[in-house]
């Protein structure tokens, strides 16, 4: 039979694990209020590993971005990349 103290210790331990797991997650990128230049976003017209504009939450087909000024390639990439779910 568990004691009340044991129950609360287990509850606190579980809460600590959940908090630690949440801290390990990266916050999703948000589009800046104003679009930034390609240079500021460090845009390149080729993918970074497997990451590309076409798989980013900020990409607006066929060639626009919510965060970067001007046309972007679906195969491009920048530092604001946010993987689409």
Protein backbone atom coordinates (compact mmCIF):
# COMPACT_ATOMS: atom_id res chain seq x y z
CA UNK A 1 0.00 0.00 0.00
CA UNK A 2 1.37 3.44 -0.94
CA UNK A 3 1.54 6.27 1.50
CA UNK A 4 0.35 9.74 0.80
CA UNK A 5 3.95 10.96 0.94
CA UNK A 6 4.97 8.38 -1.69
CA UNK A 7 2.10 9.44 -3.92
CA UNK A 8 3.15 13.10 -3.83
CA UNK A 9 6.81 12.22 -4.40
CA UNK A 10 5.87 10.20 -7.47
CA UNK A 11 3.64 13.03 -8.69
CA UNK A 12 6.46 15.57 -8.26
CA UNK A 13 8.90 13.26 -10.06
CA UNK A 14 6.52 12.89 -13.00
CA UNK A 15 6.05 16.65 -13.20
CA UNK A 16 9.83 17.14 -13.22
CA UNK A 17 10.18 14.70 -16.12
CA UNK A 18 7.49 16.49 -18.13
CA UNK A 19 9.12 19.88 -17.51
CA UNK A 20 12.53 18.57 -18.53
CA UNK A 21 11.10 17.09 -21.73
CA UNK A 22 9.40 20.38 -22.61
CA UNK A 23 12.65 22.33 -22.14
CA UNK A 24 14.39 20.07 -24.62
CA UNK A 25 11.99 21.01 -27.42
CA UNK A 26 12.83 23.82 -29.76
CA UNK A 27 10.19 26.50 -30.06
CA UNK A 28 8.73 26.70 -33.55
CA UNK A 29 9.93 29.61 -35.62
CA UNK A 30 7.51 32.46 -36.02
CA UNK A 31 7.39 34.77 -38.98
CA UNK A 32 8.77 38.18 -38.11
CA UNK A 33 6.29 41.08 -38.09
CA UNK A 34 8.13 42.55 -41.07
CA UNK A 35 9.72 40.51 -43.82
CA UNK A 36 13.51 40.41 -43.75
CA UNK A 37 15.96 40.52 -46.64
CA UNK A 38 17.38 37.33 -48.08
CA UNK A 39 20.80 38.36 -46.78
CA UNK A 40 19.53 38.81 -43.22
CA UNK A 41 17.77 35.42 -43.34
CA UNK A 42 20.92 33.88 -44.89
CA UNK A 43 18.77 32.56 -47.74
CA UNK A 44 20.32 30.17 -50.24
CA UNK A 45 18.66 28.81 -53.38
CA UNK A 46 19.52 25.20 -52.55
CA UNK A 47 18.41 22.96 -49.66
CA UNK A 48 20.26 22.54 -46.36
CA UNK A 49 20.54 18.78 -45.89
CA UNK A 50 16.93 17.63 -46.31
CA UNK A 51 15.44 21.00 -45.31
CA UNK A 52 13.92 23.12 -48.08
CA UNK A 53 11.43 25.98 -48.39
CA UNK A 54 8.78 23.62 -49.80
CA UNK A 55 8.67 21.81 -46.42
CA UNK A 56 8.65 24.99 -44.29
CA UNK A 57 5.62 26.45 -42.47
CA UNK A 58 6.56 29.91 -43.74
CA UNK A 59 6.53 28.94 -47.44
CA UNK A 60 3.73 30.25 -49.65
CA UNK A 61 3.57 28.38 -52.97
CA UNK A 62 4.59 28.85 -55.68
CA UNK A 63 7.51 31.16 -54.79
CA UNK A 64 6.84 33.36 -51.73
CA UNK A 65 7.68 33.32 -48.03
CA UNK A 66 5.90 34.83 -45.02
CA UNK A 67 9.27 35.96 -43.61
CA UNK A 68 11.63 36.70 -46.54
CA UNK A 69 11.28 39.51 -49.10
CA UNK A 70 11.12 38.54 -52.78
CA UNK A 71 10.78 35.28 -54.62
CA UNK A 72 12.15 32.11 -53.07
CA UNK A 73 12.79 28.72 -54.59
CA UNK A 74 10.87 25.69 -53.28
CA UNK A 75 14.34 24.08 -53.10
CA UNK A 76 15.82 27.04 -51.18
CA UNK A 77 16.52 27.33 -47.46
CA UNK A 78 17.19 30.02 -44.84
CA UNK A 79 17.86 30.26 -41.09
CA UNK A 80 14.16 30.94 -40.40
CA UNK A 81 13.25 27.41 -41.57
CA UNK A 82 10.39 25.85 -39.58
CA UNK A 83 9.54 22.27 -40.52
CA UNK A 84 5.89 21.88 -41.50
CA UNK A 85 3.95 19.36 -39.40
